[in-house]
Amino acid sequence: MDFKQAKRRKERGQTNEEFLKWVFDDAKDFEQICVTVQYPSGRVETFFSQEGTFPIIGMMEVGKMQIIDDMQS
């Protein structure tokens, strides 16, 4: 484990790779996936598994509301 990963683990409790492994271990047999990442430069990029973007936009709205609900509770 390099310094950057050790720092992430200390600050967040897990590395980005450990988080993604947990997601793939927990989420089985899913239809679509959308992942948004922020690079050290600040650039944000979104990856998604489907050609059509309307379902992904809806998924991101649901995800946004779930995050807001978690923040409020």
C-alpha atoms as a PDB file:
ATOM      1  CA  MET A   1       0.000   0.000   0.000  1.00  0.00           C
ATOM      2  CA  ASP A   2       1.433   3.369  -0.989  1.00  0.00           C
ATOM      3  CA  PHE A   3       1.310   6.571   1.061  1.00  0.00           C
ATOM      4  CA  LYS A   4      -1.766   7.961  -0.718  1.00  0.00           C
ATOM      5  CA  GLN A   5      -3.772   4.782  -0.049  1.00  0.00           C
ATOM      6  CA  ALA A   6      -2.618   4.669   3.592  1.00  0.00           C
ATOM      7  CA  LYS A   7      -3.718   8.294   4.033  1.00  0.00           C
ATOM      8  CA  ARG A   8      -7.154   7.539   2.526  1.00  0.00           C
ATOM      9  CA  ARG A   9      -7.575   4.530   4.803  1.00  0.00           C
ATOM     10  CA  LYS A  10      -6.662   6.620   7.863  1.00  0.00           C
ATOM     11  CA  GLU A  11      -8.966   9.526   6.901  1.00  0.00           C
ATOM     12  CA  ARG A  12     -11.938   7.535   5.517  1.00  0.00           C
ATOM     13  CA  GLY A  13     -11.550   4.073   7.015  1.00  0.00           C
ATOM     14  CA  GLN A  14     -10.909   2.443   3.636  1.00  0.00           C
ATOM     15  CA  THR A  15      -9.148   3.021   0.323  1.00  0.00           C
ATOM     16  CA  ASN A  16     -11.036   3.724  -2.903  1.00  0.00           C
ATOM     17  CA  GLU A  17     -10.199   0.209  -4.080  1.00  0.00           C
ATOM     18  CA  GLU A  18     -11.529  -1.336  -0.850  1.00  0.00           C
ATOM     19  CA  PHE A  19     -14.729   0.680  -1.234  1.00  0.00           C
ATOM     20  CA  LEU A  20     -15.249  -0.513  -4.829  1.00  0.00           C
ATOM     21  CA  LYS A  21     -14.581  -4.117  -3.795  1.00  0.00           C
ATOM     22  CA  TRP A  22     -17.198  -3.773  -1.042  1.00  0.00           C
ATOM     23  CA  VAL A  23     -19.725  -2.398  -3.566  1.00  0.00           C
ATOM     24  CA  PHE A  24     -19.150  -5.267  -6.010  1.00  0.00           C
ATOM     25  CA  ASP A  25     -19.272  -7.840  -3.200  1.00  0.00           C
ATOM     26  CA  ASP A  26     -22.544  -6.359  -1.884  1.00  0.00           C
ATOM     27  CA  ALA A  27     -24.365  -5.489  -5.131  1.00  0.00           C
ATOM     28  CA  LYS A  28     -25.140  -8.639  -7.080  1.00  0.00           C
ATOM     29  CA  ASP A  29     -27.079  -9.103 -10.323  1.00  0.00           C
ATOM     30  CA  PHE A  30     -27.629  -5.400 -11.072  1.00  0.00           C
ATOM     31  CA  GLU A  31     -29.004  -3.947 -14.311  1.00  0.00           C
ATOM     32  CA  GLN A  32     -27.010  -0.728 -14.534  1.00  0.00           C
ATOM     33  CA  ILE A  33     -24.120   0.966 -12.807  1.00  0.00           C
ATOM     34  CA  CYS A  34     -22.934   4.553 -12.654  1.00  0.00           C
ATOM     35  CA  VAL A  35     -19.681   5.667 -11.030  1.00  0.00           C
ATOM     36  CA  THR A  36     -18.591   9.270 -10.577  1.00  0.00           C
ATOM     37  CA  VAL A  37     -14.988   9.956  -9.628  1.00  0.00           C
ATOM     38  CA  GLN A  38     -13.035  13.069  -8.702  1.00  0.00           C
ATOM     39  CA  TYR A  39      -9.379  13.111  -9.655  1.00  0.00           C
ATOM     40  CA  PRO A  40      -6.665  14.850  -7.591  1.00  0.00           C
ATOM     41  CA  SER A  41      -6.754  17.657 -10.178  1.00  0.00           C
ATOM     42  CA  GLY A  42     -10.398  18.312  -9.229  1.00  0.00           C
ATOM     43  CA  ARG A  43     -11.737  17.040 -12.553  1.00  0.00           C
ATOM     44  CA  VAL A  44     -14.922  14.974 -12.200  1.00  0.00           C
ATOM     45  CA  GLU A  45     -15.807  12.164 -14.589  1.00  0.00           C
ATOM     46  CA  THR A  46     -18.816   9.825 -14.713  1.00  0.00           C
ATOM     47  CA  PHE A  47     -18.798   6.317 -16.149  1.00  0.00           C
ATOM     48  CA  PHE A  48     -21.989   4.387 -16.854  1.00  0.00           C
ATOM     49  CA  SER A  49     -22.938   1.026 -18.285  1.00  0.00           C
ATOM     50  CA  GLN A  50     -25.825   1.855 -20.635  1.00  0.00           C
ATOM     51  CA  GLU A  51     -26.103   3.602 -23.990  1.00  0.00           C
ATOM     52  CA  GLY A  52     -29.227   5.579 -23.056  1.00  0.00           C
ATOM     53  CA  THR A  53     -28.570   8.283 -20.508  1.00  0.00           C
ATOM     54  CA  PHE A  54     -32.115   9.001 -19.253  1.00  0.00           C
ATOM     55  CA  PRO A  55     -32.224   5.992 -16.872  1.00  0.00           C
ATOM     56  CA  ILE A  56     -28.771   6.948 -15.563  1.00  0.00           C
ATOM     57  CA  ILE A  57     -29.907  10.523 -14.882  1.00  0.00           C
ATOM     58  CA  GLY A  58     -32.839   9.132 -12.899  1.00  0.00           C
ATOM     59  CA  MET A  59     -30.524   6.822 -10.955  1.00  0.00           C
ATOM     60  CA  MET A  60     -28.253   9.744 -10.122  1.00  0.00           C
ATOM     61  CA  GLU A  61     -31.235  11.784  -8.876  1.00  0.00           C
ATOM     62  CA  VAL A  62     -32.285   8.893  -6.614  1.00  0.00           C
ATOM     63  CA  GLY A  63     -28.688   8.581  -5.390  1.00  0.00           C
ATOM     64  CA  LYS A  64     -28.535  12.318  -4.721  1.00  0.00           C
ATOM     65  CA  MET A  65     -31.718  12.157  -2.632  1.00  0.00           C
ATOM     66  CA  GLN A  66     -30.413   9.126  -0.705  1.00  0.00           C
ATOM     67  CA  ILE A  67     -27.199  10.995   0.136  1.00  0.00           C
ATOM     68  CA  ILE A  68     -29.150  14.089   1.241  1.00  0.00           C
ATOM     69  CA  ASP A  69     -31.442  11.908   3.399  1.00  0.00           C
ATOM     70  CA  ASP A  70     -28.383  10.270   5.006  1.00  0.00           C
ATOM     71  CA  MET A  71     -26.882  13.699   5.725  1.00  0.00           C
ATOM     72  CA  GLN A  72     -30.099  14.874   7.396  1.00  0.00           C
ATOM     73  CA  SER A  73     -30.499  11.843   9.653  1.00  0.00           C
END
